[in-house]
Amino acid sequence: MATHQDDELQDVPPGKAGSAAVFVLCLLAFLGSFSLMSFAFEIGSPLLFVGGLLLASAAFFVPQQLLGRPD
């Protein structure tokens, strides 16, 4: 097995690419929760609003508690 790394990725510490992917997914979940909550007001569904709140909470809970990444 080759142990050399591409020159472009030489300065990237291990685990940072995964952190970026988690950040993007959680950001999309957080922003999507706003749409979900606003749509809940249009159709008058309290369960959909609660789902939006849970999605917004999960966007913070997953990286901080489940993955142990406070950044």
PDB file of N, CA and C in Angstrom:
ATOM      1  N   MET A   1       0.825  -1.191   0.000  1.00  0.00           N
ATOM      2  CA  MET A   1       0.000   0.000   0.000  1.00  0.00           C
ATOM      3  C   MET A   1       0.865   1.248   0.000  1.00  0.00           C
ATOM      4  N   ALA A   2       0.447   2.181  -0.774  1.00  0.00           N
ATOM      5  CA  ALA A   2       1.181   3.448  -0.826  1.00  0.00           C
ATOM      6  C   ALA A   2       0.805   4.291   0.388  1.00  0.00           C
ATOM      7  N   THR A   3       1.775   4.943   0.974  1.00  0.00           N
ATOM      8  CA  THR A   3       1.510   5.757   2.157  1.00  0.00           C
ATOM      9  C   THR A   3       1.648   7.240   1.878  1.00  0.00           C
ATOM     10  N   HIS A   4       1.897   7.602   0.619  1.00  0.00           N
ATOM     11  CA  HIS A   4       2.044   9.033   0.344  1.00  0.00           C
ATOM     12  C   HIS A   4       0.682   9.667   0.116  1.00  0.00           C
ATOM     13  N   GLN A   5       0.620  10.944   0.359  1.00  0.00           N
ATOM     14  CA  GLN A   5      -0.624  11.694   0.254  1.00  0.00           C
ATOM     15  C   GLN A   5      -0.465  12.736  -0.836  1.00  0.00           C
ATOM     16  N   ASP A   6      -1.564  13.102  -1.497  1.00  0.00           N
ATOM     17  CA  ASP A   6      -1.488  14.166  -2.499  1.00  0.00           C
ATOM     18  C   ASP A   6      -0.989  15.447  -1.857  1.00  0.00           C
ATOM     19  N   ASP A   7      -0.296  16.258  -2.646  1.00  0.00           N
ATOM     20  CA  ASP A   7       0.251  17.511  -2.128  1.00  0.00           C
ATOM     21  C   ASP A   7      -0.844  18.470  -1.677  1.00  0.00           C
ATOM     22  N   GLU A   8      -2.007  18.423  -2.356  1.00  0.00           N
ATOM     23  CA  GLU A   8      -3.095  19.337  -1.999  1.00  0.00           C
ATOM     24  C   GLU A   8      -3.669  19.020  -0.624  1.00  0.00           C
ATOM     25  N   LEU A   9      -3.681  17.753  -0.258  1.00  0.00           N
ATOM     26  CA  LEU A   9      -4.279  17.336   1.001  1.00  0.00           C
ATOM     27  C   LEU A   9      -3.264  17.212   2.124  1.00  0.00           C
ATOM     28  N   GLN A  10      -2.054  17.588   1.864  1.00  0.00           N
ATOM     29  CA  GLN A  10      -0.985  17.419   2.836  1.00  0.00           C
ATOM     30  C   GLN A  10      -1.202  18.228   4.107  1.00  0.00           C
ATOM     31  N   ASP A  11      -1.784  19.415   3.990  1.00  0.00           N
ATOM     32  CA  ASP A  11      -1.952  20.299   5.144  1.00  0.00           C
ATOM     33  C   ASP A  11      -3.267  20.096   5.875  1.00  0.00           C
ATOM     34  N   VAL A  12      -4.156  19.244   5.372  1.00  0.00           N
ATOM     35  CA  VAL A  12      -5.460  19.024   5.992  1.00  0.00           C
ATOM     36  C   VAL A  12      -5.307  17.972   7.091  1.00  0.00           C
ATOM     37  N   PRO A  13      -5.569  18.344   8.342  1.00  0.00           N
ATOM     38  CA  PRO A  13      -5.469  17.359   9.409  1.00  0.00           C
ATOM     39  C   PRO A  13      -6.536  16.277   9.269  1.00  0.00           C
ATOM     40  N   PRO A  14      -6.260  15.073   9.736  1.00  0.00           N
ATOM     41  CA  PRO A  14      -7.255  14.002   9.632  1.00  0.00           C
ATOM     42  C   PRO A  14      -8.524  14.337  10.413  1.00  0.00           C
ATOM     43  N   GLY A  15      -9.662  14.010   9.844  1.00  0.00           N
ATOM     44  CA  GLY A  15     -10.941  14.225  10.511  1.00  0.00           C
ATOM     45  C   GLY A  15     -11.609  15.539  10.186  1.00  0.00           C
ATOM     46  N   LYS A  16     -10.905  16.460   9.557  1.00  0.00           N
ATOM     47  CA  LYS A  16     -11.506  17.763   9.257  1.00  0.00           C
ATOM     48  C   LYS A  16     -12.486  17.680   8.100  1.00  0.00           C
ATOM     49  N   ALA A  17     -12.257  16.800   7.136  1.00  0.00           N
ATOM     50  CA  ALA A  17     -13.196  16.656   6.022  1.00  0.00           C
ATOM     51  C   ALA A  17     -14.519  16.098   6.528  1.00  0.00           C
ATOM     52  N   GLY A  18     -14.476  15.177   7.476  1.00  0.00           N
ATOM     53  CA  GLY A  18     -15.701  14.645   8.064  1.00  0.00           C
ATOM     54  C   GLY A  18     -16.447  15.698   8.848  1.00  0.00           C
ATOM     55  N   SER A  19     -15.701  16.569   9.528  1.00  0.00           N
ATOM     56  CA  SER A  19     -16.332  17.652  10.274  1.00  0.00           C
ATOM     57  C   SER A  19     -17.034  18.621   9.343  1.00  0.00           C
ATOM     58  N   ALA A  20     -16.440  18.870   8.188  1.00  0.00           N
ATOM     59  CA  ALA A  20     -17.069  19.769   7.216  1.00  0.00           C
ATOM     60  C   ALA A  20     -18.354  19.165   6.679  1.00  0.00           C
ATOM     61  N   ALA A  21     -18.361  17.867   6.435  1.00  0.00           N
ATOM     62  CA  ALA A  21     -19.561  17.204   5.928  1.00  0.00           C
ATOM     63  C   ALA A  21     -20.668  17.223   6.975  1.00  0.00           C
ATOM     64  N   VAL A  22     -20.312  16.981   8.228  1.00  0.00           N
ATOM     65  CA  VAL A  22     -21.299  17.034   9.312  1.00  0.00           C
ATOM     66  C   VAL A  22     -21.850  18.444   9.448  1.00  0.00           C
ATOM     67  N   PHE A  23     -20.986  19.447   9.316  1.00  0.00           N
ATOM     68  CA  PHE A  23     -21.434  20.840   9.411  1.00  0.00           C
ATOM     69  C   PHE A  23     -22.439  21.161   8.308  1.00  0.00           C
ATOM     70  N   VAL A  24     -22.140  20.756   7.087  1.00  0.00           N
ATOM     71  CA  VAL A  24     -23.034  21.054   5.966  1.00  0.00           C
ATOM     72  C   VAL A  24     -24.376  20.354   6.151  1.00  0.00           C
ATOM     73  N   LEU A  25     -24.361  19.094   6.560  1.00  0.00           N
ATOM     74  CA  LEU A  25     -25.615  18.366   6.756  1.00  0.00           C
ATOM     75  C   LEU A  25     -26.448  18.971   7.889  1.00  0.00           C
ATOM     76  N   CYS A  26     -25.793  19.349   8.972  1.00  0.00           N
ATOM     77  CA  CYS A  26     -26.535  19.941  10.090  1.00  0.00           C
ATOM     78  C   CYS A  26     -27.034  21.346   9.750  1.00  0.00           C
ATOM     79  N   LEU A  27     -26.272  22.080   8.967  1.00  0.00           N
ATOM     80  CA  LEU A  27     -26.732  23.400   8.525  1.00  0.00           C
ATOM     81  C   LEU A  27     -27.963  23.256   7.638  1.00  0.00           C
ATOM     82  N   LEU A  28     -27.945  22.293   6.725  1.00  0.00           N
ATOM     83  CA  LEU A  28     -29.115  22.061   5.872  1.00  0.00           C
ATOM     84  C   LEU A  28     -30.325  21.624   6.689  1.00  0.00           C
ATOM     85  N   ALA A  29     -30.102  20.797   7.696  1.00  0.00           N
ATOM     86  CA  ALA A  29     -31.212  20.378   8.558  1.00  0.00           C
ATOM     87  C   ALA A  29     -31.767  21.570   9.330  1.00  0.00           C
ATOM     88  N   PHE A  30     -30.877  22.426   9.831  1.00  0.00           N
ATOM     89  CA  PHE A  30     -31.319  23.594  10.593  1.00  0.00           C
ATOM     90  C   PHE A  30     -32.112  24.554   9.717  1.00  0.00           C
ATOM     91  N   LEU A  31     -31.602  24.836   8.525  1.00  0.00           N
ATOM     92  CA  LEU A  31     -32.315  25.742   7.623  1.00  0.00           C
ATOM     93  C   LEU A  31     -33.608  25.112   7.113  1.00  0.00           C
ATOM     94  N   GLY A  32     -33.603  23.808   6.907  1.00  0.00           N
ATOM     95  CA  GLY A  32     -34.817  23.112   6.484  1.00  0.00           C
ATOM     96  C   GLY A  32     -35.896  23.130   7.549  1.00  0.00           C
ATOM     97  N   SER A  33     -35.475  23.186   8.804  1.00  0.00           N
ATOM     98  CA  SER A  33     -36.463  23.224   9.882  1.00  0.00           C
ATOM     99  C   SER A  33     -37.260  24.528   9.855  1.00  0.00           C
ATOM    100  N   PHE A  34     -36.638  25.619   9.405  1.00  0.00           N
ATOM    101  CA  PHE A  34     -37.378  26.879   9.275  1.00  0.00           C
ATOM    102  C   PHE A  34     -38.499  26.740   8.248  1.00  0.00           C
ATOM    103  N   SER A  35     -38.181  26.122   7.125  1.00  0.00           N
ATOM    104  CA  SER A  35     -39.196  25.906   6.094  1.00  0.00           C
ATOM    105  C   SER A  35     -40.312  25.008   6.609  1.00  0.00           C
ATOM    106  N   LEU A  36     -39.940  23.989   7.332  1.00  0.00           N
ATOM    107  CA  LEU A  36     -40.925  23.063   7.884  1.00  0.00           C
ATOM    108  C   LEU A  36     -41.853  23.764   8.867  1.00  0.00           C
ATOM    109  N   MET A  37     -41.284  24.596   9.724  1.00  0.00           N
ATOM    110  CA  MET A  37     -42.116  25.306  10.701  1.00  0.00           C
ATOM    111  C   MET A  37     -43.008  26.346  10.031  1.00  0.00           C
ATOM    112  N   SER A  38     -42.509  27.027   9.004  1.00  0.00           N
ATOM    113  CA  SER A  38     -43.354  28.014   8.329  1.00  0.00           C
ATOM    114  C   SER A  38     -44.467  27.330   7.536  1.00  0.00           C
ATOM    115  N   PHE A  39     -44.166  26.177   6.951  1.00  0.00           N
ATOM    116  CA  PHE A  39     -45.208  25.433   6.243  1.00  0.00           C
ATOM    117  C   PHE A  39     -46.265  24.920   7.203  1.00  0.00           C
ATOM    118  N   ALA A  40     -45.852  24.611   8.429  1.00  0.00           N
ATOM    119  CA  ALA A  40     -46.810  24.147   9.441  1.00  0.00           C
ATOM    120  C   ALA A  40     -47.832  25.234   9.757  1.00  0.00           C
ATOM    121  N   PHE A  41     -47.410  26.502   9.738  1.00  0.00           N
ATOM    122  CA  PHE A  41     -48.357  27.594   9.977  1.00  0.00           C
ATOM    123  C   PHE A  41     -49.339  27.721   8.822  1.00  0.00           C
ATOM    124  N   GLU A  42     -48.868  27.476   7.594  1.00  0.00           N
ATOM    125  CA  GLU A  42     -49.755  27.600   6.435  1.00  0.00           C
ATOM    126  C   GLU A  42     -50.865  26.564   6.456  1.00  0.00           C
ATOM    127  N   ILE A  43     -50.527  25.337   6.843  1.00  0.00           N
ATOM    128  CA  ILE A  43     -51.550  24.292   6.817  1.00  0.00           C
ATOM    129  C   ILE A  43     -52.184  24.066   8.183  1.00  0.00           C
ATOM    130  N   GLY A  44     -51.658  24.721   9.213  1.00  0.00           N
ATOM    131  CA  GLY A  44     -52.245  24.626  10.544  1.00  0.00           C
ATOM    132  C   GLY A  44     -51.980  23.303  11.236  1.00  0.00           C
ATOM    133  N   SER A  45     -50.778  22.794  11.104  1.00  0.00           N
ATOM    134  CA  SER A  45     -50.452  21.496  11.695  1.00  0.00           C
ATOM    135  C   SER A  45     -49.454  21.658  12.841  1.00  0.00           C
ATOM    136  N   PRO A  46     -49.910  21.470  14.079  1.00  0.00           N
ATOM    137  CA  PRO A  46     -48.969  21.583  15.201  1.00  0.00           C
ATOM    138  C   PRO A  46     -47.937  20.450  15.225  1.00  0.00           C
ATOM    139  N   LEU A  47     -48.294  19.278  14.711  1.00  0.00           N
ATOM    140  CA  LEU A  47     -47.334  18.177  14.686  1.00  0.00           C
ATOM    141  C   LEU A  47     -46.178  18.459  13.725  1.00  0.00           C
ATOM    142  N   LEU A  48     -46.472  19.092  12.614  1.00  0.00           N
ATOM    143  CA  LEU A  48     -45.424  19.465  11.669  1.00  0.00           C
ATOM    144  C   LEU A  48     -44.508  20.528  12.270  1.00  0.00           C
ATOM    145  N   PHE A  49     -45.081  21.441  13.033  1.00  0.00           N
ATOM    146  CA  PHE A  49     -44.278  22.463  13.709  1.00  0.00           C
ATOM    147  C   PHE A  49     -43.359  21.823  14.743  1.00  0.00           C
ATOM    148  N   VAL A  50     -43.885  20.875  15.487  1.00  0.00           N
ATOM    149  CA  VAL A  50     -43.059  20.165  16.475  1.00  0.00           C
ATOM    150  C   VAL A  50     -41.948  19.386  15.763  1.00  0.00           C
ATOM    151  N   GLY A  51     -42.257  18.831  14.611  1.00  0.00           N
ATOM    152  CA  GLY A  51     -41.233  18.146  13.824  1.00  0.00           C
ATOM    153  C   GLY A  51     -40.121  19.093  13.400  1.00  0.00           C
ATOM    154  N   GLY A  52     -40.491  20.324  13.035  1.00  0.00           N
ATOM    155  CA  GLY A  52     -39.495  21.332  12.698  1.00  0.00           C
ATOM    156  C   GLY A  52     -38.637  21.713  13.893  1.00  0.00           C
ATOM    157  N   LEU A  53     -39.262  21.820  15.057  1.00  0.00           N
ATOM    158  CA  LEU A  53     -38.497  22.108  16.273  1.00  0.00           C
ATOM    159  C   LEU A  53     -37.529  20.978  16.606  1.00  0.00           C
ATOM    160  N   LEU A  54     -37.992  19.747  16.449  1.00  0.00           N
ATOM    161  CA  LEU A  54     -37.123  18.600  16.718  1.00  0.00           C
ATOM    162  C   LEU A  54     -35.972  18.520  15.724  1.00  0.00           C
ATOM    163  N   LEU A  55     -36.233  18.869  14.467  1.00  0.00           N
ATOM    164  CA  LEU A  55     -35.177  18.873  13.464  1.00  0.00           C
ATOM    165  C   LEU A  55     -34.138  19.950  13.768  1.00  0.00           C
ATOM    166  N   ALA A  56     -34.589  21.120  14.204  1.00  0.00           N
ATOM    167  CA  ALA A  56     -33.656  22.188  14.569  1.00  0.00           C
ATOM    168  C   ALA A  56     -32.835  21.782  15.796  1.00  0.00           C
ATOM    169  N   SER A  57     -33.465  21.130  16.738  1.00  0.00           N
ATOM    170  CA  SER A  57     -32.744  20.666  17.927  1.00  0.00           C
ATOM    171  C   SER A  57     -31.743  19.576  17.572  1.00  0.00           C
ATOM    172  N   ALA A  58     -32.135  18.677  16.677  1.00  0.00           N
ATOM    173  CA  ALA A  58     -31.243  17.598  16.265  1.00  0.00           C
ATOM    174  C   ALA A  58     -30.024  18.131  15.529  1.00  0.00           C
ATOM    175  N   ALA A  59     -30.192  19.253  14.826  1.00  0.00           N
ATOM    176  CA  ALA A  59     -29.061  19.842  14.102  1.00  0.00           C
ATOM    177  C   ALA A  59     -27.964  20.298  15.060  1.00  0.00           C
ATOM    178  N   PHE A  60     -28.318  20.608  16.294  1.00  0.00           N
ATOM    179  CA  PHE A  60     -27.311  20.956  17.300  1.00  0.00           C
ATOM    180  C   PHE A  60     -26.911  19.752  18.138  1.00  0.00           C
ATOM    181  N   PHE A  61     -27.859  18.867  18.401  1.00  0.00           N
ATOM    182  CA  PHE A  61     -27.612  17.734  19.292  1.00  0.00           C
ATOM    183  C   PHE A  61     -26.666  16.702  18.673  1.00  0.00           C
ATOM    184  N   VAL A  62     -26.882  16.403  17.404  1.00  0.00           N
ATOM    185  CA  VAL A  62     -26.099  15.342  16.760  1.00  0.00           C
ATOM    186  C   VAL A  62     -24.596  15.627  16.799  1.00  0.00           C
ATOM    187  N   PRO A  63     -24.121  16.772  16.311  1.00  0.00           N
ATOM    188  CA  PRO A  63     -22.660  16.954  16.328  1.00  0.00           C
ATOM    189  C   PRO A  63     -22.090  17.145  17.719  1.00  0.00           C
ATOM    190  N   GLN A  64     -22.828  17.737  18.618  1.00  0.00           N
ATOM    191  CA  GLN A  64     -22.260  18.033  19.947  1.00  0.00           C
ATOM    192  C   GLN A  64     -22.309  16.841  20.875  1.00  0.00           C
ATOM    193  N   GLN A  65     -23.369  16.079  20.879  1.00  0.00           N
ATOM    194  CA  GLN A  65     -23.514  15.003  21.840  1.00  0.00           C
ATOM    195  C   GLN A  65     -23.205  13.631  21.247  1.00  0.00           C
ATOM    196  N   LEU A  66     -23.770  13.337  20.102  1.00  0.00           N
ATOM    197  CA  LEU A  66     -23.585  12.003  19.550  1.00  0.00           C
ATOM    198  C   LEU A  66     -22.214  11.819  18.918  1.00  0.00           C
ATOM    199  N   LEU A  67     -21.713  12.855  18.241  1.00  0.00           N
ATOM    200  CA  LEU A  67     -20.414  12.744  17.576  1.00  0.00           C
ATOM    201  C   LEU A  67     -19.280  13.307  18.405  1.00  0.00           C
ATOM    202  N   GLY A  68     -19.580  14.055  19.454  1.00  0.00           N
ATOM    203  CA  GLY A  68     -18.562  14.610  20.324  1.00  0.00           C
ATOM    204  C   GLY A  68     -17.721  15.686  19.666  1.00  0.00           C
ATOM    205  N   ARG A  69     -18.319  16.454  18.753  1.00  0.00           N
ATOM    206  CA  ARG A  69     -17.608  17.533  18.058  1.00  0.00           C
ATOM    207  C   ARG A  69     -18.236  18.862  18.437  1.00  0.00           C
ATOM    208  N   PRO A  70     -17.691  19.575  19.377  1.00  0.00           N
ATOM    209  CA  PRO A  70     -18.309  20.848  19.791  1.00  0.00           C
ATOM    210  C   PRO A  70     -18.077  21.983  18.820  1.00  0.00           C
ATOM    211  N   ASP A  71     -17.247  21.818  17.810  1.00  0.00           N
ATOM    212  CA  ASP A  71     -16.961  22.913  16.888  1.00  0.00           C
ATOM    213  C   ASP A  71     -18.006  23.039  15.868  1.00  0.00           C
TER     214      ASP A  71
END
